[in-house]
N, C-alpha and C. Protein backbone atom coordinates (compact mmCIF):
# COMPACT_ATOMS: atom_id res chain seq x y z
N MET A 1 98.59 111.13 112.37
CA MET A 1 97.60 110.61 113.32
C MET A 1 97.24 109.16 112.99
N ARG A 2 97.08 108.89 111.71
CA ARG A 2 96.68 107.52 111.32
C ARG A 2 97.80 106.53 111.57
N VAL A 3 99.02 106.90 111.28
CA VAL A 3 100.16 106.01 111.54
C VAL A 3 100.29 105.74 113.03
N ALA A 4 100.17 106.79 113.84
CA ALA A 4 100.31 106.64 115.29
C ALA A 4 99.30 105.65 115.85
N ALA A 5 98.10 105.66 115.29
CA ALA A 5 97.05 104.75 115.77
C ALA A 5 97.37 103.29 115.48
N GLU A 6 98.26 103.04 114.52
CA GLU A 6 98.60 101.66 114.12
C GLU A 6 99.73 101.08 114.98
N ILE A 7 100.40 101.92 115.75
CA ILE A 7 101.56 101.45 116.53
C ILE A 7 101.08 100.78 117.82
N PRO A 8 101.49 99.56 118.09
CA PRO A 8 101.00 98.85 119.28
C PRO A 8 101.62 99.40 120.56
N ALA A 9 100.91 99.20 121.65
CA ALA A 9 101.39 99.65 122.96
C ALA A 9 102.72 98.98 123.29
N GLY A 10 103.60 99.76 123.91
CA GLY A 10 104.89 99.24 124.36
C GLY A 10 105.92 99.06 123.27
N ALA A 11 105.64 99.53 122.07
CA ALA A 11 106.57 99.32 120.95
C ALA A 11 107.76 100.27 121.01
N PHE A 12 108.89 99.80 120.50
CA PHE A 12 110.06 100.63 120.25
C PHE A 12 109.97 101.05 118.78
N VAL A 13 109.99 102.36 118.53
CA VAL A 13 109.66 102.89 117.21
C VAL A 13 110.75 103.84 116.73
N ASN A 14 111.16 103.70 115.48
CA ASN A 14 112.07 104.66 114.86
C ASN A 14 111.29 105.47 113.84
N LEU A 15 111.46 106.80 113.90
CA LEU A 15 110.79 107.71 112.97
C LEU A 15 111.82 108.33 112.05
N GLY A 16 111.62 108.16 110.75
CA GLY A 16 112.54 108.73 109.78
C GLY A 16 112.41 110.23 109.67
N ILE A 17 113.37 110.84 108.99
CA ILE A 17 113.39 112.30 108.80
C ILE A 17 112.24 112.71 107.88
N GLY A 18 111.68 113.88 108.14
CA GLY A 18 110.61 114.41 107.30
C GLY A 18 109.24 114.11 107.88
N MET A 19 108.31 113.75 107.01
CA MET A 19 106.93 113.50 107.43
C MET A 19 106.80 112.53 108.60
N PRO A 20 107.56 111.43 108.65
CA PRO A 20 107.40 110.50 109.77
C PRO A 20 107.62 111.11 111.16
N THR A 21 108.43 112.16 111.26
CA THR A 21 108.67 112.75 112.59
C THR A 21 107.39 113.31 113.20
N LEU A 22 106.39 113.64 112.37
CA LEU A 22 105.13 114.17 112.88
C LEU A 22 104.38 113.15 113.73
N VAL A 23 104.68 111.87 113.55
CA VAL A 23 103.99 110.82 114.31
C VAL A 23 104.16 111.03 115.81
N ALA A 24 105.32 111.53 116.22
CA ALA A 24 105.60 111.69 117.64
C ALA A 24 104.58 112.57 118.36
N ASP A 25 104.01 113.52 117.65
CA ASP A 25 103.04 114.43 118.26
C ASP A 25 101.68 113.77 118.49
N TYR A 26 101.46 112.58 117.95
CA TYR A 26 100.14 111.95 118.05
C TYR A 26 100.17 110.60 118.77
N VAL A 27 101.31 110.24 119.35
CA VAL A 27 101.40 108.99 120.11
C VAL A 27 100.78 109.21 121.49
N PRO A 28 99.75 108.46 121.85
CA PRO A 28 99.15 108.63 123.17
C PRO A 28 100.14 108.31 124.29
N PRO A 29 100.28 109.20 125.28
CA PRO A 29 101.27 108.97 126.35
C PRO A 29 101.08 107.66 127.09
N GLY A 30 99.84 107.20 127.23
CA GLY A 30 99.59 106.01 128.02
C GLY A 30 99.92 104.70 127.35
N LYS A 31 100.34 104.71 126.09
CA LYS A 31 100.61 103.46 125.39
C LYS A 31 102.01 102.93 125.63
N GLY A 32 102.86 103.70 126.31
CA GLY A 32 104.20 103.23 126.63
C GLY A 32 105.10 103.06 125.43
N ILE A 33 104.87 103.81 124.38
CA ILE A 33 105.68 103.71 123.17
C ILE A 33 106.97 104.51 123.35
N MET A 34 108.11 103.90 123.01
CA MET A 34 109.41 104.56 123.11
C MET A 34 109.94 104.84 121.71
N ILE A 35 110.13 106.11 121.41
CA ILE A 35 110.60 106.51 120.08
C ILE A 35 112.11 106.62 120.07
N HIS A 36 112.70 105.97 119.09
CA HIS A 36 114.16 105.89 118.95
C HIS A 36 114.63 106.83 117.86
N SER A 37 115.70 107.55 118.13
CA SER A 37 116.32 108.42 117.13
C SER A 37 117.77 107.99 116.98
N GLU A 38 118.20 107.72 115.74
CA GLU A 38 119.50 107.08 115.54
C GLU A 38 120.68 107.95 115.91
N ASN A 39 120.45 109.23 116.22
CA ASN A 39 121.56 110.05 116.68
C ASN A 39 121.86 109.87 118.16
N GLY A 40 121.13 108.95 118.82
CA GLY A 40 121.51 108.61 120.18
C GLY A 40 120.47 108.86 121.25
N LEU A 41 119.20 108.79 120.89
CA LEU A 41 118.12 108.98 121.86
C LEU A 41 117.14 107.83 121.79
N LEU A 42 116.68 107.38 122.93
CA LEU A 42 115.57 106.43 123.02
C LEU A 42 114.60 107.00 124.02
N GLY A 43 113.41 107.36 123.55
CA GLY A 43 112.42 107.96 124.44
C GLY A 43 112.16 109.41 124.12
N THR A 44 112.18 109.77 122.84
CA THR A 44 111.83 111.15 122.48
C THR A 44 110.32 111.32 122.52
N GLY A 45 109.89 112.55 122.84
CA GLY A 45 108.48 112.86 122.88
C GLY A 45 108.10 113.78 121.74
N PRO A 46 107.03 114.56 121.92
CA PRO A 46 106.62 115.50 120.88
C PRO A 46 107.67 116.58 120.65
N PHE A 47 107.48 117.35 119.59
CA PHE A 47 108.36 118.49 119.33
C PHE A 47 108.29 119.47 120.50
N ALA A 48 109.41 120.13 120.76
CA ALA A 48 109.45 121.14 121.82
C ALA A 48 108.60 122.35 121.43
N GLU A 49 107.94 122.94 122.41
CA GLU A 49 107.16 124.15 122.17
C GLU A 49 108.09 125.31 121.84
N PRO A 50 107.66 126.23 120.98
CA PRO A 50 108.49 127.40 120.67
C PRO A 50 108.90 128.14 121.94
N GLY A 51 110.18 128.45 122.03
CA GLY A 51 110.71 129.13 123.21
C GLY A 51 111.20 128.19 124.29
N HIS A 52 110.93 126.88 124.13
CA HIS A 52 111.36 125.90 125.13
C HIS A 52 112.32 124.87 124.52
N GLU A 53 112.90 125.21 123.40
CA GLU A 53 113.83 124.28 122.75
C GLU A 53 115.15 124.24 123.51
N ILE A 54 115.75 123.04 123.54
CA ILE A 54 117.10 122.86 124.07
C ILE A 54 117.98 122.54 122.87
N PRO A 55 118.95 123.39 122.53
CA PRO A 55 119.70 123.22 121.28
C PRO A 55 120.33 121.83 121.13
N GLU A 56 120.78 121.24 122.24
CA GLU A 56 121.44 119.94 122.15
C GLU A 56 120.45 118.77 122.08
N LEU A 57 119.17 119.04 122.32
CA LEU A 57 118.18 117.96 122.38
C LEU A 57 117.39 117.95 121.07
N VAL A 58 117.90 117.21 120.10
CA VAL A 58 117.29 117.17 118.77
C VAL A 58 117.21 115.73 118.28
N ASN A 59 116.29 115.50 117.35
CA ASN A 59 116.21 114.18 116.72
C ASN A 59 117.20 114.10 115.56
N ALA A 60 117.15 113.00 114.81
CA ALA A 60 118.12 112.79 113.73
C ALA A 60 118.00 113.82 112.62
N GLY A 61 116.84 114.49 112.53
CA GLY A 61 116.66 115.52 111.53
C GLY A 61 117.00 116.91 112.02
N GLY A 62 117.52 117.01 113.26
CA GLY A 62 117.90 118.30 113.81
C GLY A 62 116.75 119.09 114.38
N GLN A 63 115.58 118.47 114.58
CA GLN A 63 114.42 119.16 115.13
C GLN A 63 114.42 119.05 116.65
N ALA A 64 114.06 120.15 117.32
CA ALA A 64 114.03 120.16 118.78
C ALA A 64 112.90 119.27 119.29
N VAL A 65 113.24 118.35 120.18
CA VAL A 65 112.26 117.40 120.71
C VAL A 65 112.24 117.46 122.23
N THR A 66 111.30 116.73 122.80
CA THR A 66 111.22 116.57 124.25
C THR A 66 111.53 115.12 124.58
N LEU A 67 111.56 114.80 125.87
CA LEU A 67 111.82 113.44 126.33
C LEU A 67 110.64 112.93 127.14
N VAL A 68 110.48 111.61 127.16
CA VAL A 68 109.47 110.98 128.01
C VAL A 68 110.18 110.33 129.19
N PRO A 69 109.48 110.07 130.29
CA PRO A 69 110.12 109.39 131.43
C PRO A 69 110.78 108.08 131.01
N GLY A 70 112.00 107.87 131.47
CA GLY A 70 112.75 106.67 131.11
C GLY A 70 113.61 106.81 129.89
N ALA A 71 113.68 108.02 129.32
CA ALA A 71 114.49 108.23 128.12
C ALA A 71 115.96 107.97 128.40
N VAL A 72 116.67 107.54 127.36
CA VAL A 72 118.08 107.15 127.49
C VAL A 72 118.90 107.86 126.42
N PHE A 73 120.09 108.33 126.81
CA PHE A 73 121.05 108.89 125.86
C PHE A 73 122.13 107.85 125.59
N MET A 74 122.63 107.81 124.37
CA MET A 74 123.68 106.84 124.02
C MET A 74 124.47 107.39 122.85
N ASP A 75 125.60 106.72 122.54
CA ASP A 75 126.36 107.16 121.38
C ASP A 75 125.78 106.52 120.11
N SER A 76 126.29 106.95 118.96
CA SER A 76 125.74 106.49 117.69
C SER A 76 125.93 104.99 117.49
N ALA A 77 127.05 104.46 117.96
CA ALA A 77 127.30 103.02 117.79
C ALA A 77 126.26 102.20 118.54
N GLN A 78 125.95 102.59 119.78
CA GLN A 78 124.92 101.88 120.53
C GLN A 78 123.55 102.04 119.86
N SER A 79 123.30 103.25 119.38
CA SER A 79 122.01 103.51 118.75
C SER A 79 121.80 102.61 117.54
N PHE A 80 122.84 102.45 116.73
CA PHE A 80 122.68 101.60 115.55
C PHE A 80 122.72 100.11 115.89
N SER A 81 123.28 99.77 117.03
CA SER A 81 123.20 98.36 117.45
C SER A 81 121.77 97.99 117.80
N ILE A 82 120.99 98.96 118.27
CA ILE A 82 119.57 98.71 118.50
C ILE A 82 118.86 98.42 117.18
N VAL A 83 119.18 99.22 116.16
CA VAL A 83 118.57 99.03 114.84
C VAL A 83 119.01 97.70 114.24
N ARG A 84 120.31 97.47 114.19
CA ARG A 84 120.84 96.28 113.52
C ARG A 84 120.58 95.01 114.31
N GLY A 85 120.33 95.15 115.60
CA GLY A 85 120.06 93.98 116.43
C GLY A 85 118.62 93.52 116.38
N GLY A 86 117.78 94.22 115.64
CA GLY A 86 116.39 93.80 115.50
C GLY A 86 115.50 94.19 116.67
N TYR A 87 115.86 95.25 117.39
CA TYR A 87 115.08 95.65 118.56
C TYR A 87 114.02 96.70 118.25
N ILE A 88 113.98 97.21 117.03
CA ILE A 88 112.96 98.19 116.65
C ILE A 88 111.71 97.44 116.19
N ASP A 89 110.61 97.64 116.90
CA ASP A 89 109.37 96.94 116.55
C ASP A 89 108.73 97.52 115.30
N VAL A 90 108.72 98.84 115.19
CA VAL A 90 108.11 99.51 114.04
C VAL A 90 109.01 100.66 113.62
N ALA A 91 109.31 100.76 112.34
CA ALA A 91 109.98 101.94 111.79
C ALA A 91 109.03 102.62 110.83
N VAL A 92 109.06 103.95 110.84
CA VAL A 92 108.24 104.74 109.93
C VAL A 92 109.19 105.59 109.09
N LEU A 93 109.24 105.32 107.80
CA LEU A 93 110.12 106.05 106.89
C LEU A 93 109.29 106.76 105.82
N GLY A 94 109.84 107.83 105.28
CA GLY A 94 109.24 108.47 104.13
C GLY A 94 109.56 107.67 102.88
N GLY A 95 108.90 108.00 101.79
CA GLY A 95 109.13 107.25 100.56
C GLY A 95 109.05 108.12 99.32
N LEU A 96 109.95 107.85 98.38
CA LEU A 96 109.85 108.43 97.04
C LEU A 96 109.07 107.49 96.13
N GLN A 97 109.30 106.18 96.31
CA GLN A 97 108.58 105.16 95.55
C GLN A 97 108.45 103.90 96.41
N VAL A 98 107.34 103.20 96.24
CA VAL A 98 107.15 101.87 96.82
C VAL A 98 106.60 100.97 95.72
N SER A 99 107.14 99.76 95.61
CA SER A 99 106.66 98.83 94.58
C SER A 99 105.58 97.93 95.15
N GLU A 100 104.92 97.20 94.24
CA GLU A 100 103.85 96.29 94.66
C GLU A 100 104.38 95.12 95.49
N ARG A 101 105.69 94.89 95.49
CA ARG A 101 106.30 93.84 96.33
C ARG A 101 106.77 94.37 97.68
N GLY A 102 106.64 95.69 97.88
CA GLY A 102 107.12 96.27 99.12
C GLY A 102 108.55 96.75 99.07
N ASP A 103 109.12 96.89 97.86
CA ASP A 103 110.44 97.52 97.73
C ASP A 103 110.29 99.00 98.05
N LEU A 104 111.30 99.57 98.71
CA LEU A 104 111.27 100.98 99.08
C LEU A 104 112.45 101.72 98.46
N ALA A 105 112.16 102.85 97.84
CA ALA A 105 113.19 103.78 97.37
C ALA A 105 112.91 105.13 98.02
N ASN A 106 113.85 105.60 98.83
CA ASN A 106 113.56 106.86 99.53
C ASN A 106 114.77 107.76 99.73
N TRP A 107 115.89 107.48 99.04
CA TRP A 107 117.07 108.28 99.34
C TRP A 107 117.63 109.06 98.14
N ARG A 108 117.33 108.64 96.92
CA ARG A 108 117.85 109.40 95.77
C ARG A 108 116.97 109.16 94.55
N GLN A 109 116.62 110.26 93.89
CA GLN A 109 115.92 110.14 92.62
C GLN A 109 116.92 109.77 91.53
N ALA A 110 116.44 109.06 90.53
CA ALA A 110 117.35 108.53 89.50
C ALA A 110 118.06 109.62 88.73
N ASN A 111 117.46 110.81 88.62
CA ASN A 111 118.07 111.88 87.84
C ASN A 111 119.00 112.76 88.66
N ARG A 112 119.26 112.41 89.90
CA ARG A 112 120.16 113.20 90.74
C ARG A 112 121.42 112.41 91.02
N ARG A 113 122.56 113.06 90.85
CA ARG A 113 123.84 112.37 91.07
C ARG A 113 124.18 112.27 92.54
N ALA A 114 123.69 113.23 93.33
CA ALA A 114 124.03 113.26 94.75
C ALA A 114 122.89 112.70 95.58
N GLY A 115 123.26 112.25 96.77
CA GLY A 115 122.27 111.72 97.71
C GLY A 115 122.97 110.97 98.81
N SER A 116 122.29 110.81 99.92
CA SER A 116 122.87 110.08 101.04
C SER A 116 121.82 109.14 101.60
N ILE A 117 122.15 107.86 101.64
CA ILE A 117 121.19 106.88 102.14
C ILE A 117 121.10 106.94 103.66
N GLY A 118 122.11 107.52 104.33
CA GLY A 118 122.07 107.67 105.78
C GLY A 118 121.84 106.33 106.48
N GLY A 119 120.98 106.34 107.48
CA GLY A 119 120.70 105.11 108.22
C GLY A 119 119.48 104.37 107.71
N ALA A 120 118.90 104.85 106.60
CA ALA A 120 117.63 104.29 106.14
C ALA A 120 117.73 102.81 105.77
N ALA A 121 118.83 102.40 105.14
CA ALA A 121 118.96 100.99 104.74
C ALA A 121 119.03 100.09 105.96
N ASP A 122 119.79 100.52 106.99
CA ASP A 122 119.85 99.74 108.23
C ASP A 122 118.48 99.62 108.87
N ILE A 123 117.75 100.73 108.89
CA ILE A 123 116.44 100.74 109.53
C ILE A 123 115.45 99.86 108.76
N ALA A 124 115.45 99.98 107.43
CA ALA A 124 114.55 99.17 106.61
C ALA A 124 114.82 97.68 106.78
N ALA A 125 116.09 97.32 106.92
CA ALA A 125 116.45 95.91 107.06
C ALA A 125 116.26 95.40 108.48
N GLY A 126 116.45 96.29 109.48
CA GLY A 126 116.47 95.83 110.86
C GLY A 126 115.15 95.86 111.60
N ALA A 127 114.21 96.71 111.17
CA ALA A 127 112.94 96.84 111.89
C ALA A 127 112.07 95.60 111.68
N LYS A 128 111.33 95.23 112.71
CA LYS A 128 110.42 94.09 112.59
C LYS A 128 109.27 94.38 111.65
N ARG A 129 108.78 95.63 111.66
CA ARG A 129 107.74 96.06 110.73
C ARG A 129 108.12 97.43 110.19
N LEU A 130 107.89 97.64 108.90
CA LEU A 130 108.22 98.92 108.28
C LEU A 130 106.97 99.56 107.69
N PHE A 131 106.67 100.76 108.18
CA PHE A 131 105.58 101.57 107.63
C PHE A 131 106.20 102.68 106.78
N VAL A 132 105.55 103.01 105.67
CA VAL A 132 105.97 104.15 104.86
C VAL A 132 104.87 105.20 104.91
N ALA A 133 105.26 106.43 105.25
CA ALA A 133 104.34 107.56 105.28
C ALA A 133 104.76 108.55 104.20
N MET A 134 103.87 108.81 103.25
CA MET A 134 104.23 109.69 102.13
C MET A 134 102.97 110.20 101.45
N GLU A 135 103.12 111.19 100.59
CA GLU A 135 102.02 111.62 99.73
C GLU A 135 101.81 110.57 98.64
N HIS A 136 100.58 110.46 98.18
CA HIS A 136 100.25 109.38 97.25
C HIS A 136 100.86 109.58 95.88
N THR A 137 101.04 110.84 95.48
CA THR A 137 101.61 111.14 94.16
C THR A 137 102.72 112.18 94.29
N THR A 138 103.46 112.34 93.22
CA THR A 138 104.49 113.38 93.16
C THR A 138 103.81 114.75 93.01
N ARG A 139 104.62 115.78 93.03
CA ARG A 139 104.06 117.14 92.91
C ARG A 139 103.35 117.36 91.58
N ASP A 140 103.78 116.63 90.55
CA ASP A 140 103.11 116.77 89.25
C ASP A 140 102.09 115.68 89.00
N GLY A 141 101.66 115.00 90.07
CA GLY A 141 100.56 114.05 89.98
C GLY A 141 100.91 112.66 89.49
N GLN A 142 102.20 112.31 89.44
CA GLN A 142 102.61 110.98 89.00
C GLN A 142 102.56 109.98 90.17
N PRO A 143 102.22 108.74 89.90
CA PRO A 143 102.12 107.74 90.98
C PRO A 143 103.47 107.51 91.67
N LYS A 144 103.41 107.27 92.97
CA LYS A 144 104.59 106.89 93.74
C LYS A 144 104.52 105.43 94.18
N ILE A 145 103.35 104.81 94.00
CA ILE A 145 103.17 103.39 94.29
C ILE A 145 103.13 102.68 92.94
N LEU A 146 104.20 101.94 92.66
CA LEU A 146 104.47 101.45 91.30
C LEU A 146 104.56 99.94 91.24
N ARG A 147 104.52 99.41 90.00
CA ARG A 147 104.80 97.98 89.83
C ARG A 147 106.26 97.69 90.14
N GLU A 148 107.15 98.57 89.66
CA GLU A 148 108.59 98.42 89.91
C GLU A 148 109.16 99.80 90.26
N CYS A 149 110.02 99.88 91.26
CA CYS A 149 110.70 101.14 91.58
C CYS A 149 111.72 101.44 90.48
N THR A 150 111.81 102.70 90.11
CA THR A 150 112.81 103.11 89.13
C THR A 150 113.97 103.86 89.79
N TYR A 151 113.85 104.19 91.06
CA TYR A 151 114.93 104.85 91.80
C TYR A 151 115.75 103.79 92.54
N PRO A 152 116.97 104.13 92.95
CA PRO A 152 117.79 103.18 93.71
C PRO A 152 117.07 102.74 94.99
N LEU A 153 117.12 101.45 95.28
CA LEU A 153 116.37 100.92 96.41
C LEU A 153 117.06 101.21 97.74
N THR A 154 116.24 101.44 98.74
CA THR A 154 116.68 101.49 100.14
C THR A 154 116.59 100.11 100.76
N GLY A 155 115.52 99.39 100.43
CA GLY A 155 115.32 98.04 100.93
C GLY A 155 114.40 97.27 100.00
N ALA A 156 114.69 95.98 99.83
CA ALA A 156 113.89 95.12 98.97
C ALA A 156 112.89 94.33 99.80
N ARG A 157 111.63 94.34 99.37
CA ARG A 157 110.55 93.60 100.05
C ARG A 157 110.53 93.90 101.56
N ALA A 158 110.70 95.16 101.89
CA ALA A 158 110.83 95.56 103.30
C ALA A 158 109.56 96.16 103.88
N VAL A 159 108.69 96.72 103.03
CA VAL A 159 107.55 97.52 103.52
C VAL A 159 106.38 96.61 103.88
N ASP A 160 105.78 96.89 105.03
CA ASP A 160 104.59 96.16 105.47
C ASP A 160 103.30 96.92 105.22
N MET A 161 103.32 98.25 105.45
CA MET A 161 102.13 99.06 105.24
C MET A 161 102.52 100.41 104.66
N ILE A 162 101.61 100.97 103.85
CA ILE A 162 101.81 102.28 103.23
C ILE A 162 100.67 103.19 103.69
N PHE A 163 101.04 104.36 104.19
CA PHE A 163 100.06 105.36 104.62
C PHE A 163 100.26 106.61 103.77
N THR A 164 99.24 107.02 103.05
CA THR A 164 99.34 108.23 102.24
C THR A 164 98.19 109.17 102.61
N ASP A 165 98.17 110.32 101.94
CA ASP A 165 97.07 111.27 102.16
C ASP A 165 95.76 110.76 101.58
N LEU A 166 95.80 109.67 100.81
CA LEU A 166 94.60 109.14 100.19
C LEU A 166 94.19 107.76 100.68
N ALA A 167 95.13 107.00 101.25
CA ALA A 167 94.82 105.60 101.50
C ALA A 167 95.71 104.97 102.56
N VAL A 168 95.21 103.84 103.08
CA VAL A 168 96.02 102.93 103.89
C VAL A 168 96.07 101.62 103.12
N ILE A 169 97.27 101.12 102.87
CA ILE A 169 97.48 99.96 102.01
C ILE A 169 98.38 98.96 102.74
N ARG A 170 98.01 97.68 102.68
CA ARG A 170 98.84 96.63 103.25
C ARG A 170 99.57 95.88 102.14
N VAL A 171 100.85 95.61 102.38
CA VAL A 171 101.65 94.86 101.42
C VAL A 171 101.58 93.38 101.79
N GLU A 172 101.11 92.56 100.86
CA GLU A 172 101.04 91.12 101.06
C GLU A 172 101.93 90.42 100.03
N ASP A 173 102.12 89.12 100.21
CA ASP A 173 103.00 88.38 99.32
C ASP A 173 102.55 88.45 97.86
N ASP A 174 101.23 88.55 97.65
CA ASP A 174 100.72 88.57 96.29
C ASP A 174 100.26 89.95 95.84
N GLY A 175 100.72 91.00 96.52
CA GLY A 175 100.42 92.34 96.05
C GLY A 175 99.89 93.25 97.14
N LEU A 176 99.22 94.32 96.72
CA LEU A 176 98.78 95.39 97.61
C LEU A 176 97.28 95.31 97.86
N VAL A 177 96.90 95.53 99.11
CA VAL A 177 95.49 95.51 99.50
C VAL A 177 95.10 96.88 100.02
N LEU A 178 94.08 97.47 99.42
CA LEU A 178 93.57 98.77 99.85
C LEU A 178 92.64 98.55 101.04
N LEU A 179 93.05 99.07 102.20
CA LEU A 179 92.29 98.87 103.44
C LEU A 179 91.36 100.04 103.76
N GLU A 180 91.85 101.27 103.54
CA GLU A 180 91.09 102.46 103.91
C GLU A 180 91.26 103.54 102.85
N THR A 181 90.24 104.35 102.70
CA THR A 181 90.30 105.48 101.77
C THR A 181 90.16 106.78 102.56
N ALA A 182 90.72 107.83 102.04
CA ALA A 182 90.52 109.15 102.62
C ALA A 182 89.07 109.57 102.41
N PRO A 183 88.53 110.45 103.26
CA PRO A 183 87.15 110.90 103.08
C PRO A 183 86.91 111.45 101.68
N ASP A 184 85.79 111.04 101.10
CA ASP A 184 85.34 111.52 99.78
C ASP A 184 86.17 110.98 98.62
N TRP A 185 86.96 109.94 98.86
CA TRP A 185 87.71 109.30 97.79
C TRP A 185 87.20 107.86 97.63
N SER A 186 87.03 107.44 96.38
CA SER A 186 86.59 106.08 96.10
C SER A 186 87.80 105.20 95.76
N PRO A 187 87.67 103.89 95.92
CA PRO A 187 88.76 102.99 95.51
C PRO A 187 89.16 103.18 94.04
N GLU A 188 88.18 103.45 93.19
CA GLU A 188 88.46 103.62 91.77
C GLU A 188 89.31 104.86 91.52
N GLU A 189 89.03 105.94 92.23
CA GLU A 189 89.81 107.17 92.08
C GLU A 189 91.24 106.97 92.58
N ILE A 190 91.39 106.23 93.67
CA ILE A 190 92.73 105.97 94.21
C ILE A 190 93.52 105.07 93.25
N GLN A 191 92.85 104.08 92.65
CA GLN A 191 93.53 103.22 91.69
C GLN A 191 94.04 104.00 90.49
N GLN A 192 93.31 105.01 90.06
CA GLN A 192 93.73 105.83 88.92
C GLN A 192 95.05 106.55 89.20
N LEU A 193 95.35 106.80 90.47
CA LEU A 193 96.58 107.49 90.86
C LEU A 193 97.64 106.51 91.37
N THR A 194 97.43 105.23 91.13
CA THR A 194 98.33 104.17 91.59
C THR A 194 98.68 103.28 90.42
N GLU A 195 99.99 103.17 90.10
CA GLU A 195 100.37 102.32 88.97
C GLU A 195 100.19 100.84 89.31
N ALA A 196 100.59 100.44 90.51
CA ALA A 196 100.43 99.05 90.93
C ALA A 196 98.95 98.73 91.10
N ARG A 197 98.61 97.48 90.88
CA ARG A 197 97.21 97.07 91.05
C ARG A 197 96.87 96.96 92.53
N LEU A 198 95.71 97.49 92.90
CA LEU A 198 95.24 97.42 94.27
C LEU A 198 94.07 96.45 94.36
N ARG A 199 94.16 95.50 95.26
CA ARG A 199 93.01 94.66 95.58
C ARG A 199 92.25 95.35 96.71
N VAL A 200 90.96 95.46 96.56
CA VAL A 200 90.14 96.15 97.55
C VAL A 200 89.73 95.17 98.63
N SER A 201 90.03 95.50 99.88
CA SER A 201 89.66 94.65 101.00
C SER A 201 88.14 94.55 101.11
N PRO A 202 87.61 93.38 101.43
CA PRO A 202 86.16 93.28 101.65
C PRO A 202 85.68 94.11 102.83
N ASP A 203 86.62 94.48 103.70
CA ASP A 203 86.28 95.29 104.87
C ASP A 203 86.70 96.75 104.70
N ILE A 204 86.86 97.20 103.47
CA ILE A 204 87.35 98.56 103.24
C ILE A 204 86.40 99.58 103.88
N HIS A 205 87.02 100.63 104.44
CA HIS A 205 86.22 101.67 105.08
C HIS A 205 86.98 103.00 104.98
N GLU A 206 86.30 104.05 105.37
CA GLU A 206 86.90 105.37 105.33
C GLU A 206 87.90 105.55 106.46
N MET A 207 89.01 106.19 106.18
CA MET A 207 90.04 106.43 107.17
C MET A 207 89.48 107.26 108.33
N SER A 208 89.78 106.84 109.54
CA SER A 208 89.30 107.54 110.73
C SER A 208 90.49 108.12 111.47
N LEU A 209 90.42 109.43 111.78
CA LEU A 209 91.51 110.11 112.46
C LEU A 209 91.06 110.58 113.84
């Protein structure tokens, strides 16, 4: 919900596999936002209701979706030409790690030999703005927002904003700025779960959904 509120009207948006796909369910219909899926769709809508799925109509993660008026079907080559041509206004990707410079690692953990970067590197490089939607910490409570990424990078200095279950953070040239906190969380508590240093915005406020 919070990521969807940040997307400007009329934007062309790519949603990565996993948590970012949830954004589609919260995009207001009247904003004219067109969601792009790299498997060959432009104009996907919310997830299909149970019992109304069309097997051939899926996003890049294989989830059944709907279409909005004006939706377009295309082949994969055309779809990636949209990404590589710089026509995506906002991309929303998941993240394993984000550094204080906006480096993104989201395709393979360092201790795993296998992994597939898929289209994530193209999207991170080609989008005009890149949002990362992820949980603030790992399952065992370790920070995911770091001074330096330790996993293989998807994109260097690519991230513009980070949205987590605890905070909204903007990436600037000189580091990270904490803009919003989750209800009942203080900036100090969020900093304790963040390895990178956070500068607190003078206009910091509680996240509104």
